[in-house]
PDB file of N, CA and C in Angstrom:
ATOM      1  N   MET A   1       0.815  -1.198   0.000  1.00  0.00           N
ATOM      2  CA  MET A   1       0.000   0.000   0.000  1.00  0.00           C
ATOM      3  C   MET A   1       0.865   1.271   0.000  1.00  0.00           C
ATOM      4  N   LEU A   2       1.989   1.212   0.715  1.00  0.00           N
ATOM      5  CA  LEU A   2       2.909   2.347   0.746  1.00  0.00           C
ATOM      6  C   LEU A   2       3.452   2.639  -0.646  1.00  0.00           C
ATOM      7  N   ALA A   3       3.737   1.578  -1.403  1.00  0.00           N
ATOM      8  CA  ALA A   3       4.270   1.753  -2.761  1.00  0.00           C
ATOM      9  C   ALA A   3       3.273   2.497  -3.641  1.00  0.00           C
ATOM     10  N   ILE A   4       2.003   2.172  -3.507  1.00  0.00           N
ATOM     11  CA  ILE A   4       0.978   2.852  -4.308  1.00  0.00           C
ATOM     12  C   ILE A   4       0.867   4.312  -3.873  1.00  0.00           C
ATOM     13  N   PHE A   5       0.881   4.560  -2.574  1.00  0.00           N
ATOM     14  CA  PHE A   5       0.819   5.930  -2.064  1.00  0.00           C
ATOM     15  C   PHE A   5       1.988   6.771  -2.583  1.00  0.00           C
ATOM     16  N   LEU A   6       3.199   6.218  -2.502  1.00  0.00           N
ATOM     17  CA  LEU A   6       4.382   6.941  -2.976  1.00  0.00           C
ATOM     18  C   LEU A   6       4.331   7.175  -4.482  1.00  0.00           C
ATOM     19  N   SER A   7       3.825   6.198  -5.216  1.00  0.00           N
ATOM     20  CA  SER A   7       3.709   6.331  -6.672  1.00  0.00           C
ATOM     21  C   SER A   7       2.731   7.436  -7.054  1.00  0.00           C
ATOM     22  N   VAL A   8       1.579   7.436  -6.402  1.00  0.00           N
ATOM     23  CA  VAL A   8       0.568   8.463  -6.687  1.00  0.00           C
ATOM     24  C   VAL A   8       1.098   9.839  -6.287  1.00  0.00           C
ATOM     25  N   THR A   9       1.755   9.923  -5.141  1.00  0.00           N
ATOM     26  CA  THR A   9       2.330  11.192  -4.684  1.00  0.00           C
ATOM     27  C   THR A   9       3.362  11.716  -5.679  1.00  0.00           C
ATOM     28  N   TYR A  10       4.222  10.825  -6.162  1.00  0.00           N
ATOM     29  CA  TYR A  10       5.247  11.201  -7.147  1.00  0.00           C
ATOM     30  C   TYR A  10       4.600  11.733  -8.428  1.00  0.00           C
ATOM     31  N   LEU A  11       3.584  11.022  -8.923  1.00  0.00           N
ATOM     32  CA  LEU A  11       2.930  11.455 -10.165  1.00  0.00           C
ATOM     33  C   LEU A  11       2.173  12.767  -9.972  1.00  0.00           C
ATOM     34  N   LEU A  12       1.570  12.958  -8.801  1.00  0.00           N
ATOM     35  CA  LEU A  12       0.906  14.237  -8.516  1.00  0.00           C
ATOM     36  C   LEU A  12       1.923  15.379  -8.439  1.00  0.00           C
ATOM     37  N   ALA A  13       3.090  15.100  -7.877  1.00  0.00           N
ATOM     38  CA  ALA A  13       4.152  16.116  -7.831  1.00  0.00           C
ATOM     39  C   ALA A  13       4.599  16.480  -9.241  1.00  0.00           C
ATOM     40  N   LEU A  14       4.744  15.471 -10.101  1.00  0.00           N
ATOM     41  CA  LEU A  14       5.111  15.750 -11.496  1.00  0.00           C
ATOM     42  C   LEU A  14       4.018  16.546 -12.205  1.00  0.00           C
ATOM     43  N   ALA A  15       2.761  16.224 -11.906  1.00  0.00           N
ATOM     44  CA  ALA A  15       1.649  16.972 -12.501  1.00  0.00           C
ATOM     45  C   ALA A  15       1.708  18.437 -12.070  1.00  0.00           C
ATOM     46  N   ALA A  16       2.002  18.670 -10.799  1.00  0.00           N
ATOM     47  CA  ALA A  16       2.123  20.044 -10.301  1.00  0.00           C
ATOM     48  C   ALA A  16       3.296  20.762 -10.958  1.00  0.00           C
ATOM     49  N   LEU A  17       4.419  20.063 -11.107  1.00  0.00           N
ATOM     50  CA  LEU A  17       5.577  20.659 -11.783  1.00  0.00           C
ATOM     51  C   LEU A  17       5.244  21.009 -13.231  1.00  0.00           C
ATOM     52  N   SER A  18       4.507  20.138 -13.882  1.00  0.00           N
ATOM     53  CA  SER A  18       4.117  20.385 -15.272  1.00  0.00           C
ATOM     54  C   SER A  18       3.136  21.553 -15.359  1.00  0.00           C
ATOM     55  N   PHE A  19       2.148  21.553 -14.465  1.00  0.00           N
ATOM     56  CA  PHE A  19       1.143  22.617 -14.457  1.00  0.00           C
ATOM     57  C   PHE A  19       1.788  23.981 -14.228  1.00  0.00           C
ATOM     58  N   ASN A  20       2.794  24.025 -13.362  1.00  0.00           N
ATOM     59  CA  ASN A  20       3.486  25.281 -13.055  1.00  0.00           C
ATOM     60  C   ASN A  20       4.672  25.544 -13.974  1.00  0.00           C
ATOM     61  N   GLN A  21       4.786  24.760 -15.017  1.00  0.00           N
ATOM     62  CA  GLN A  21       5.781  24.908 -16.081  1.00  0.00           C
ATOM     63  C   GLN A  21       7.227  24.768 -15.597  1.00  0.00           C
ATOM     64  N   TYR A  22       7.433  23.937 -14.583  1.00  0.00           N
ATOM     65  CA  TYR A  22       8.797  23.611 -14.165  1.00  0.00           C
ATOM     66  C   TYR A  22       9.361  22.473 -14.999  1.00  0.00           C
ATOM     67  N   ILE A  23       8.459  21.651 -15.542  1.00  0.00           N
ATOM     68  CA  ILE A  23       8.866  20.625 -16.506  1.00  0.00           C
ATOM     69  C   ILE A  23       7.949  20.746 -17.716  1.00  0.00           C
ATOM     70  N   PRO A  24       8.436  20.408 -18.896  1.00  0.00           N
ATOM     71  CA  PRO A  24       7.594  20.492 -20.091  1.00  0.00           C
ATOM     72  C   PRO A  24       6.408  19.527 -20.007  1.00  0.00           C
ATOM     73  N   THR A  25       5.283  19.980 -20.516  1.00  0.00           N
ATOM     74  CA  THR A  25       4.083  19.144 -20.532  1.00  0.00           C
ATOM     75  C   THR A  25       4.333  17.840 -21.274  1.00  0.00           C
ATOM     76  N   MET A  26       5.106  17.898 -22.354  1.00  0.00           N
ATOM     77  CA  MET A  26       5.393  16.678 -23.122  1.00  0.00           C
ATOM     78  C   MET A  26       6.189  15.671 -22.288  1.00  0.00           C
ATOM     79  N   LEU A  27       7.058  16.138 -21.410  1.00  0.00           N
ATOM     80  CA  LEU A  27       7.796  15.228 -20.530  1.00  0.00           C
ATOM     81  C   LEU A  27       6.831  14.537 -19.573  1.00  0.00           C
ATOM     82  N   PHE A  28       5.899  15.297 -19.025  1.00  0.00           N
ATOM     83  CA  PHE A  28       4.901  14.715 -18.126  1.00  0.00           C
ATOM     84  C   PHE A  28       4.063  13.672 -18.864  1.00  0.00           C
ATOM     85  N   ILE A  29       3.623  13.990 -20.071  1.00  0.00           N
ATOM     86  CA  ILE A  29       2.838  13.038 -20.871  1.00  0.00           C
ATOM     87  C   ILE A  29       3.666  11.792 -21.172  1.00  0.00           C
ATOM     88  N   PHE A  30       4.946  11.979 -21.486  1.00  0.00           N
ATOM     89  CA  PHE A  30       5.842  10.852 -21.743  1.00  0.00           C
ATOM     90  C   PHE A  30       5.951   9.949 -20.510  1.00  0.00           C
ATOM     91  N   ILE A  31       6.111  10.549 -19.339  1.00  0.00           N
ATOM     92  CA  ILE A  31       6.240   9.762 -18.106  1.00  0.00           C
ATOM     93  C   ILE A  31       4.940   9.022 -17.799  1.00  0.00           C
ATOM     94  N   ILE A  32       3.809   9.680 -17.976  1.00  0.00           N
ATOM     95  CA  ILE A  32       2.517   9.007 -17.761  1.00  0.00           C
ATOM     96  C   ILE A  32       2.376   7.839 -18.730  1.00  0.00           C
ATOM     97  N   SER A  33       2.749   8.047 -19.986  1.00  0.00           N
ATOM     98  CA  SER A  33       2.688   6.973 -20.989  1.00  0.00           C
ATOM     99  C   SER A  33       3.580   5.799 -20.595  1.00  0.00           C
ATOM    100  N   LEU A  34       4.773   6.088 -20.092  1.00  0.00           N
ATOM    101  CA  LEU A  34       5.676   5.029 -19.626  1.00  0.00           C
ATOM    102  C   LEU A  34       5.054   4.236 -18.481  1.00  0.00           C
ATOM    103  N   ASN A  35       4.328   4.913 -17.620  1.00  0.00           N
ATOM    104  CA  ASN A  35       3.686   4.234 -16.499  1.00  0.00           C
ATOM    105  C   ASN A  35       2.572   3.308 -16.959  1.00  0.00           C
ATOM    106  N   VAL A  36       1.787   3.762 -17.910  1.00  0.00           N
ATOM    107  CA  VAL A  36       0.740   2.904 -18.476  1.00  0.00           C
ATOM    108  C   VAL A  36       1.382   1.700 -19.159  1.00  0.00           C
ATOM    109  N   LEU A  37       2.415   1.955 -19.948  1.00  0.00           N
ATOM    110  CA  LEU A  37       3.119   0.879 -20.648  1.00  0.00           C
ATOM    111  C   LEU A  37       3.734  -0.109 -19.653  1.00  0.00           C
ATOM    112  N   SER A  38       4.339   0.402 -18.614  1.00  0.00           N
ATOM    113  CA  SER A  38       4.950  -0.451 -17.597  1.00  0.00           C
ATOM    114  C   SER A  38       3.898  -1.346 -16.939  1.00  0.00           C
ATOM    115  N   PHE A  39       2.768  -0.760 -16.566  1.00  0.00           N
ATOM    116  CA  PHE A  39       1.686  -1.547 -15.970  1.00  0.00           C
ATOM    117  C   PHE A  39       1.230  -2.642 -16.931  1.00  0.00           C
ATOM    118  N   LEU A  40       1.063  -2.287 -18.201  1.00  0.00           N
ATOM    119  CA  LEU A  40       0.622  -3.270 -19.195  1.00  0.00           C
ATOM    120  C   LEU A  40       1.641  -4.390 -19.381  1.00  0.00           C
ATOM    121  N   PHE A  41       2.931  -4.062 -19.343  1.00  0.00           N
ATOM    122  CA  PHE A  41       3.965  -5.093 -19.460  1.00  0.00           C
ATOM    123  C   PHE A  41       3.889  -6.076 -18.290  1.00  0.00           C
ATOM    124  N   TYR A  42       3.666  -5.570 -17.088  1.00  0.00           N
ATOM    125  CA  TYR A  42       3.507  -6.453 -15.932  1.00  0.00           C
ATOM    126  C   TYR A  42       2.254  -7.318 -16.086  1.00  0.00           C
ATOM    127  N   LEU A  43       1.187  -6.725 -16.582  1.00  0.00           N
ATOM    128  CA  LEU A  43      -0.059  -7.467 -16.794  1.00  0.00           C
ATOM    129  C   LEU A  43       0.150  -8.603 -17.787  1.00  0.00           C
ATOM    130  N   VAL A  44       0.813  -8.310 -18.893  1.00  0.00           N
ATOM    131  CA  VAL A  44       1.090  -9.332 -19.909  1.00  0.00           C
ATOM    132  C   VAL A  44       2.018 -10.402 -19.343  1.00  0.00           C
ATOM    133  N   ASP A  45       3.037  -9.989 -18.590  1.00  0.00           N
ATOM    134  CA  ASP A  45       3.968 -10.962 -18.017  1.00  0.00           C
ATOM    135  C   ASP A  45       3.261 -11.869 -17.015  1.00  0.00           C
ATOM    136  N   LYS A  46       2.350 -11.317 -16.239  1.00  0.00           N
ATOM    137  CA  LYS A  46       1.570 -12.123 -15.287  1.00  0.00           C
ATOM    138  C   LYS A  46       0.732 -13.148 -16.044  1.00  0.00           C
ATOM    139  N   TYR A  47       0.099 -12.707 -17.127  1.00  0.00           N
ATOM    140  CA  TYR A  47      -0.699 -13.615 -17.954  1.00  0.00           C
ATOM    141  C   TYR A  47       0.176 -14.735 -18.521  1.00  0.00           C
ATOM    142  N   LYS A  48       1.339 -14.351 -19.042  1.00  0.00           N
ATOM    143  CA  LYS A  48       2.252 -15.345 -19.619  1.00  0.00           C
ATOM    144  C   LYS A  48       2.747 -16.322 -18.554  1.00  0.00           C
ATOM    145  N   ALA A  49       2.985 -15.843 -17.355  1.00  0.00           N
ATOM    146  CA  ALA A  49       3.448 -16.714 -16.272  1.00  0.00           C
ATOM    147  C   ALA A  49       2.375 -17.742 -15.908  1.00  0.00           C
ATOM    148  N   LYS A  50       1.133 -17.300 -15.858  1.00  0.00           N
ATOM    149  CA  LYS A  50       0.039 -18.208 -15.502  1.00  0.00           C
ATOM    150  C   LYS A  50      -0.247 -19.232 -16.597  1.00  0.00           C
ATOM    151  N   ASN A  51       0.041 -18.870 -17.844  1.00  0.00           N
ATOM    152  CA  ASN A  51      -0.299 -19.737 -18.971  1.00  0.00           C
ATOM    153  C   ASN A  51       0.908 -20.419 -19.604  1.00  0.00           C
ATOM    154  N   ASP A  52       2.032 -20.356 -18.925  1.00  0.00           N
ATOM    155  CA  ASP A  52       3.240 -21.068 -19.352  1.00  0.00           C
ATOM    156  C   ASP A  52       3.760 -20.639 -20.729  1.00  0.00           C
ATOM    157  N   TYR A  53       3.719 -19.330 -21.004  1.00  0.00           N
ATOM    158  CA  TYR A  53       4.271 -18.796 -22.246  1.00  0.00           C
ATOM    159  C   TYR A  53       5.636 -18.183 -21.965  1.00  0.00           C
ATOM    160  N   TRP A  54       6.351 -17.832 -23.058  1.00  0.00           N
ATOM    161  CA  TRP A  54       7.614 -17.112 -22.910  1.00  0.00           C
ATOM    162  C   TRP A  54       7.332 -15.798 -22.209  1.00  0.00           C
ATOM    163  N   ARG A  55       8.172 -15.470 -21.246  1.00  0.00           N
ATOM    164  CA  ARG A  55       7.958 -14.313 -20.394  1.00  0.00           C
ATOM    165  C   ARG A  55       8.677 -13.078 -20.920  1.00  0.00           C
ATOM    166  N   ILE A  56       8.256 -11.940 -20.411  1.00  0.00           N
ATOM    167  CA  ILE A  56       8.948 -10.681 -20.688  1.00  0.00           C
ATOM    168  C   ILE A  56      10.210 -10.664 -19.827  1.00  0.00           C
ATOM    169  N   LYS A  57      11.324 -10.257 -20.415  1.00  0.00           N
ATOM    170  CA  LYS A  57      12.593 -10.240 -19.679  1.00  0.00           C
ATOM    171  C   LYS A  57      12.508  -9.259 -18.512  1.00  0.00           C
ATOM    172  N   GLU A  58      13.099  -9.656 -17.398  1.00  0.00           N
ATOM    173  CA  GLU A  58      13.143  -8.763 -16.244  1.00  0.00           C
ATOM    174  C   GLU A  58      13.883  -7.475 -16.575  1.00  0.00           C
ATOM    175  N   SER A  59      14.890  -7.577 -17.428  1.00  0.00           N
ATOM    176  CA  SER A  59      15.647  -6.377 -17.809  1.00  0.00           C
ATOM    177  C   SER A  59      14.751  -5.369 -18.529  1.00  0.00           C
ATOM    178  N   THR A  60      13.765  -5.857 -19.273  1.00  0.00           N
ATOM    179  CA  THR A  60      12.816  -4.962 -19.947  1.00  0.00           C
ATOM    180  C   THR A  60      11.957  -4.237 -18.922  1.00  0.00           C
ATOM    181  N   LEU A  61      11.476  -4.970 -17.924  1.00  0.00           N
ATOM    182  CA  LEU A  61      10.664  -4.354 -16.871  1.00  0.00           C
ATOM    183  C   LEU A  61      11.484  -3.316 -16.099  1.00  0.00           C
ATOM    184  N   HIS A  62      12.735  -3.647 -15.819  1.00  0.00           N
ATOM    185  CA  HIS A  62      13.602  -2.700 -15.107  1.00  0.00           C
ATOM    186  C   HIS A  62      13.921  -1.474 -15.966  1.00  0.00           C
ATOM    187  N   PHE A  63      14.104  -1.675 -17.254  1.00  0.00           N
ATOM    188  CA  PHE A  63      14.399  -0.552 -18.148  1.00  0.00           C
ATOM    189  C   PHE A  63      13.231   0.433 -18.174  1.00  0.00           C
ATOM    190  N   LEU A  64      12.005  -0.083 -18.229  1.00  0.00           N
ATOM    191  CA  LEU A  64      10.831   0.791 -18.195  1.00  0.00           C
ATOM    192  C   LEU A  64      10.777   1.570 -16.880  1.00  0.00           C
ATOM    193  N   SER A  65      11.118   0.906 -15.781  1.00  0.00           N
ATOM    194  CA  SER A  65      11.147   1.589 -14.482  1.00  0.00           C
ATOM    195  C   SER A  65      12.218   2.669 -14.454  1.00  0.00           C
ATOM    196  N   LEU A  66      13.365   2.349 -14.992  1.00  0.00           N
ATOM    197  CA  LEU A  66      14.475   3.302 -15.021  1.00  0.00           C
ATOM    198  C   LEU A  66      14.128   4.544 -15.834  1.00  0.00           C
ATOM    199  N   LEU A  67      13.412   4.359 -16.933  1.00  0.00           N
ATOM    200  CA  LEU A  67      13.017   5.493 -17.772  1.00  0.00           C
ATOM    201  C   LEU A  67      11.970   6.388 -17.106  1.00  0.00           C
ATOM    202  N   GLY A  68      11.278   5.858 -16.092  1.00  0.00           N
ATOM    203  CA  GLY A  68      10.270   6.663 -15.403  1.00  0.00           C
ATOM    204  C   GLY A  68       8.966   5.942 -15.161  1.00  0.00           C
ATOM    205  N   GLY A  69       8.867   4.696 -15.580  1.00  0.00           N
ATOM    206  CA  GLY A  69       7.629   3.943 -15.410  1.00  0.00           C
ATOM    207  C   GLY A  69       7.527   3.192 -14.095  1.00  0.00           C
ATOM    208  N   TRP A  70       8.381   3.548 -13.129  1.00  0.00           N
ATOM    209  CA  TRP A  70       8.382   2.818 -11.857  1.00  0.00           C
ATOM    210  C   TRP A  70       7.088   2.954 -11.053  1.00  0.00           C
ATOM    211  N   PRO A  71       6.361   4.088 -11.088  1.00  0.00           N
ATOM    212  CA  PRO A  71       5.100   4.107 -10.348  1.00  0.00           C
ATOM    213  C   PRO A  71       4.080   3.107 -10.914  1.00  0.00           C
ATOM    214  N   GLY A  72       4.018   3.006 -12.237  1.00  0.00           N
ATOM    215  CA  GLY A  72       3.128   2.016 -12.852  1.00  0.00           C
ATOM    216  C   GLY A  72       3.535   0.603 -12.495  1.00  0.00           C
ATOM    217  N   ALA A  73       4.847   0.379 -12.407  1.00  0.00           N
ATOM    218  CA  ALA A  73       5.359  -0.934 -12.004  1.00  0.00           C
ATOM    219  C   ALA A  73       4.977  -1.231 -10.556  1.00  0.00           C
ATOM    220  N   ALA A  74       5.076  -0.233  -9.695  1.00  0.00           N
ATOM    221  CA  ALA A  74       4.735  -0.426  -8.279  1.00  0.00           C
ATOM    222  C   ALA A  74       3.263  -0.784  -8.116  1.00  0.00           C
ATOM    223  N   VAL A  75       2.410  -0.077  -8.846  1.00  0.00           N
ATOM    224  CA  VAL A  75       0.976  -0.372  -8.783  1.00  0.00           C
ATOM    225  C   VAL A  75       0.708  -1.779  -9.303  1.00  0.00           C
ATOM    226  N   ALA A  76       1.338  -2.144 -10.410  1.00  0.00           N
ATOM    227  CA  ALA A  76       1.153  -3.484 -10.981  1.00  0.00           C
ATOM    228  C   ALA A  76       1.635  -4.561 -10.013  1.00  0.00           C
ATOM    229  N   GLN A  77       2.781  -4.341  -9.392  1.00  0.00           N
ATOM    230  CA  GLN A  77       3.307  -5.331  -8.450  1.00  0.00           C
ATOM    231  C   GLN A  77       2.337  -5.568  -7.300  1.00  0.00           C
ATOM    232  N   GLN A  78       1.700  -4.505  -6.830  1.00  0.00           N
ATOM    233  CA  GLN A  78       0.772  -4.643  -5.705  1.00  0.00           C
ATOM    234  C   GLN A  78      -0.575  -5.212  -6.138  1.00  0.00           C
ATOM    235  N   TRP A  79      -1.172  -4.629  -7.171  1.00  0.00           N
ATOM    236  CA  TRP A  79      -2.505  -5.060  -7.594  1.00  0.00           C
ATOM    237  C   TRP A  79      -2.510  -6.448  -8.210  1.00  0.00           C
ATOM    238  N   LEU A  80      -1.485  -6.734  -9.007  1.00  0.00           N
ATOM    239  CA  LEU A  80      -1.431  -8.024  -9.694  1.00  0.00           C
ATOM    240  C   LEU A  80      -0.701  -9.083  -8.868  1.00  0.00           C
ATOM    241  N   LYS A  81      -0.085  -8.647  -7.768  1.00  0.00           N
ATOM    242  CA  LYS A  81       0.746  -9.534  -6.948  1.00  0.00           C
ATOM    243  C   LYS A  81       1.756 -10.272  -7.826  1.00  0.00           C
ATOM    244  N   HIS A  82       2.474  -9.475  -8.599  1.00  0.00           N
ATOM    245  CA  HIS A  82       3.428 -10.016  -9.566  1.00  0.00           C
ATOM    246  C   HIS A  82       4.795  -9.385  -9.346  1.00  0.00           C
ATOM    247  N   LYS A  83       5.806 -10.224  -9.191  1.00  0.00           N
ATOM    248  CA  LYS A  83       7.200  -9.798  -8.993  1.00  0.00           C
ATOM    249  C   LYS A  83       7.390  -9.069  -7.663  1.00  0.00           C
ATOM    250  N   ASN A  84       6.453  -9.221  -6.739  1.00  0.00           N
ATOM    251  CA  ASN A  84       6.560  -8.484  -5.482  1.00  0.00           C
ATOM    252  C   ASN A  84       7.223  -9.286  -4.362  1.00  0.00           C
ATOM    253  N   ARG A  85       7.534 -10.553  -4.600  1.00  0.00           N
ATOM    254  CA  ARG A  85       8.172 -11.375  -3.568  1.00  0.00           C
ATOM    255  C   ARG A  85       9.601 -11.780  -3.917  1.00  0.00           C
ATOM    256  N   LYS A  86       9.976 -11.635  -5.160  1.00  0.00           N
ATOM    257  CA  LYS A  86      11.300 -12.061  -5.597  1.00  0.00           C
ATOM    258  C   LYS A  86      12.333 -11.020  -5.154  1.00  0.00           C
ATOM    259  N   LYS A  87      13.185 -11.406  -4.202  1.00  0.00           N
ATOM    260  CA  LYS A  87      14.130 -10.462  -3.574  1.00  0.00           C
ATOM    261  C   LYS A  87      15.063  -9.778  -4.569  1.00  0.00           C
ATOM    262  N   THR A  88      15.701 -10.568  -5.445  1.00  0.00           N
ATOM    263  CA  THR A  88      16.661  -9.958  -6.376  1.00  0.00           C
ATOM    264  C   THR A  88      15.967  -8.982  -7.314  1.00  0.00           C
ATOM    265  N   PHE A  89      14.765  -9.310  -7.739  1.00  0.00           N
ATOM    266  CA  PHE A  89      14.016  -8.403  -8.605  1.00  0.00           C
ATOM    267  C   PHE A  89      13.701  -7.115  -7.854  1.00  0.00           C
ATOM    268  N   GLN A  90      13.254  -7.230  -6.614  1.00  0.00           N
ATOM    269  CA  GLN A  90      12.885  -6.059  -5.826  1.00  0.00           C
ATOM    270  C   GLN A  90      14.083  -5.151  -5.553  1.00  0.00           C
ATOM    271  N   ILE A  91      15.240  -5.744  -5.315  1.00  0.00           N
ATOM    272  CA  ILE A  91      16.447  -4.930  -5.096  1.00  0.00           C
ATOM    273  C   ILE A  91      16.771  -4.134  -6.355  1.00  0.00           C
ATOM    274  N   ARG A  92      16.756  -4.806  -7.490  1.00  0.00           N
ATOM    275  CA  ARG A  92      17.044  -4.108  -8.756  1.00  0.00           C
ATOM    276  C   ARG A  92      15.972  -3.065  -9.065  1.00  0.00           C
ATOM    277  N   TYR A  93      14.718  -3.408  -8.797  1.00  0.00           N
ATOM    278  CA  TYR A  93      13.624  -2.461  -9.029  1.00  0.00           C
ATOM    279  C   TYR A  93      13.841  -1.194  -8.194  1.00  0.00           C
ATOM    280  N   ARG A  94      14.154  -1.364  -6.928  1.00  0.00           N
ATOM    281  CA  ARG A  94      14.357  -0.199  -6.052  1.00  0.00           C
ATOM    282  C   ARG A  94      15.545   0.648  -6.499  1.00  0.00           C
ATOM    283  N   LEU A  95      16.564  -0.013  -7.012  1.00  0.00           N
ATOM    284  CA  LEU A  95      17.710   0.734  -7.550  1.00  0.00           C
ATOM    285  C   LEU A  95      17.297   1.571  -8.763  1.00  0.00           C
ATOM    286  N   THR A  96      16.400   1.033  -9.606  1.00  0.00           N
ATOM    287  CA  THR A  96      15.935   1.813 -10.764  1.00  0.00           C
ATOM    288  C   THR A  96      15.122   3.021 -10.309  1.00  0.00           C
ATOM    289  N   VAL A  97      14.350   2.854  -9.230  1.00  0.00           N
ATOM    290  CA  VAL A  97      13.563   3.971  -8.698  1.00  0.00           C
ATOM    291  C   VAL A  97      14.494   5.078  -8.209  1.00  0.00           C
ATOM    292  N   VAL A  98      15.477   4.702  -7.414  1.00  0.00           N
ATOM    293  CA  VAL A  98      16.433   5.683  -6.881  1.00  0.00           C
ATOM    294  C   VAL A  98      17.181   6.367  -8.023  1.00  0.00           C
ATOM    295  N   ALA A  99      17.622   5.587  -8.993  1.00  0.00           N
ATOM    296  CA  ALA A  99      18.361   6.156 -10.130  1.00  0.00           C
ATOM    297  C   ALA A  99      17.486   7.119 -10.922  1.00  0.00           C
ATOM    298  N   ASN A 100      16.242   6.748 -11.169  1.00  0.00           N
ATOM    299  CA  ASN A 100      15.341   7.616 -11.930  1.00  0.00           C
ATOM    300  C   ASN A 100      15.101   8.930 -11.202  1.00  0.00           C
ATOM    301  N   ILE A 101      14.816   8.856  -9.923  1.00  0.00           N
ATOM    302  CA  ILE A 101      14.559  10.075  -9.152  1.00  0.00           C
ATOM    303  C   ILE A 101      15.819  10.939  -9.080  1.00  0.00           C
ATOM    304  N   ALA A 102      16.972  10.320  -8.908  1.00  0.00           N
ATOM    305  CA  ALA A 102      18.233  11.072  -8.843  1.00  0.00           C
ATOM    306  C   ALA A 102      18.514  11.794 -10.154  1.00  0.00           C
ATOM    307  N   VAL A 103      18.332  11.106 -11.262  1.00  0.00           N
ATOM    308  CA  VAL A 103      18.587  11.726 -12.574  1.00  0.00           C
ATOM    309  C   VAL A 103      17.590  12.851 -12.831  1.00  0.00           C
ATOM    310  N   LEU A 104      16.316  12.612 -12.566  1.00  0.00           N
ATOM    311  CA  LEU A 104      15.302  13.643 -12.803  1.00  0.00           C
ATOM    312  C   LEU A 104      15.551  14.865 -11.920  1.00  0.00           C
ATOM    313  N   THR A 105      15.876  14.639 -10.660  1.00  0.00           N
ATOM    314  CA  THR A 105      16.157  15.747  -9.745  1.00  0.00           C
ATOM    315  C   THR A 105      17.375  16.547 -10.201  1.00  0.00           C
ATOM    316  N   THR A 106      18.415  15.842 -10.604  1.00  0.00           N
ATOM    317  CA  THR A 106      19.629  16.512 -11.093  1.00  0.00           C
ATOM    318  C   THR A 106      19.335  17.327 -12.343  1.00  0.00           C
ATOM    319  N   LEU A 107      18.594  16.749 -13.275  1.00  0.00           N
ATOM    320  CA  LEU A 107      18.249  17.472 -14.506  1.00  0.00           C
ATOM    321  C   LEU A 107      17.402  18.702 -14.215  1.00  0.00           C
ATOM    322  N   LEU A 108      16.445  18.575 -13.303  1.00  0.00           N
ATOM    323  CA  LEU A 108      15.622  19.733 -12.933  1.00  0.00           C
ATOM    324  C   LEU A 108      16.486  20.834 -12.317  1.00  0.00           C
ATOM    325  N   TYR A 109      17.384  20.443 -11.436  1.00  0.00           N
ATOM    326  CA  TYR A 109      18.266  21.419 -10.798  1.00  0.00           C
ATOM    327  C   TYR A 109      19.143  22.124 -11.834  1.00  0.00           C
ATOM    328  N   LEU A 110      19.777  21.339 -12.697  1.00  0.00           N
ATOM    329  CA  LEU A 110      20.666  21.919 -13.712  1.00  0.00           C
ATOM    330  C   LEU A 110      19.900  22.810 -14.687  1.00  0.00           C
ATOM    331  N   PHE A 111      18.719  22.364 -15.094  1.00  0.00           N
ATOM    332  CA  PHE A 111      17.914  23.148 -16.025  1.00  0.00           C
ATOM    333  C   PHE A 111      17.529  24.492 -15.410  1.00  0.00           C
ATOM    334  N   HIS A 112      17.073  24.466 -14.176  1.00  0.00           N
ATOM    335  CA  HIS A 112      16.635  25.713 -13.551  1.00  0.00           C
ATOM    336  C   HIS A 112      17.808  26.588 -13.125  1.00  0.00           C
ATOM    337  N   ALA A 113      18.937  25.982 -12.795  1.00  0.00           N
ATOM    338  CA  ALA A 113      20.129  26.777 -12.475  1.00  0.00           C
ATOM    339  C   ALA A 113      20.634  27.496 -13.725  1.00  0.00           C
ATOM    340  N   ALA A 114      20.567  26.819 -14.864  1.00  0.00           N
ATOM    341  CA  ALA A 114      21.034  27.415 -16.120  1.00  0.00           C
ATOM    342  C   ALA A 114      20.089  28.504 -16.610  1.00  0.00           C
ATOM    343  N   ASN A 115      18.805  28.386 -16.295  1.00  0.00           N
ATOM    344  CA  ASN A 115      17.814  29.343 -16.790  1.00  0.00           C
ATOM    345  C   ASN A 115      17.397  30.375 -15.750  1.00  0.00           C
ATOM    346  N   LYS A 116      18.089  30.405 -14.647  1.00  0.00           N
ATOM    347  CA  LYS A 116      17.747  31.354 -13.592  1.00  0.00           C
ATOM    348  C   LYS A 116      18.036  32.773 -14.067  1.00  0.00           C
ATOM    349  N   GLN A 117      17.049  33.625 -13.930  1.00  0.00           N
ATOM    350  CA  GLN A 117      17.214  35.016 -14.356  1.00  0.00           C
ATOM    351  C   GLN A 117      17.318  35.905 -13.118  1.00  0.00           C
ATOM    352  N   TRP A 118      18.232  36.850 -13.157  1.00  0.00           N
ATOM    353  CA  TRP A 118      18.423  37.751 -12.018  1.00  0.00           C
ATOM    354  C   TRP A 118      17.803  39.068 -12.287  1.00  0.00           C
TER     355      TRP A 118
END
């Protein structure tokens, strides 16, 4: 439940940043799209796991999280109960979350420092 709360809070913060023009609207739309895509990838992987089909690579799921789809992944992990118990997956997933937030925060800082008007 905490993961869903943090995911929603993060996306609402991005929405506020976009609304106040701290980040481009297209970036916000891109991140929302990544979250939908990430959720759908988890949904498909869960289906494939239950039906004994070839699975989606874990590296693909992590890459989507790293790009910014980690809130959608968090919601999928909780709602679908998929990939939420595998320790090595969770460690890598959390690293992608930290990396994504660190990169986005750094880019926001650098962008606004460069465009600061006196």
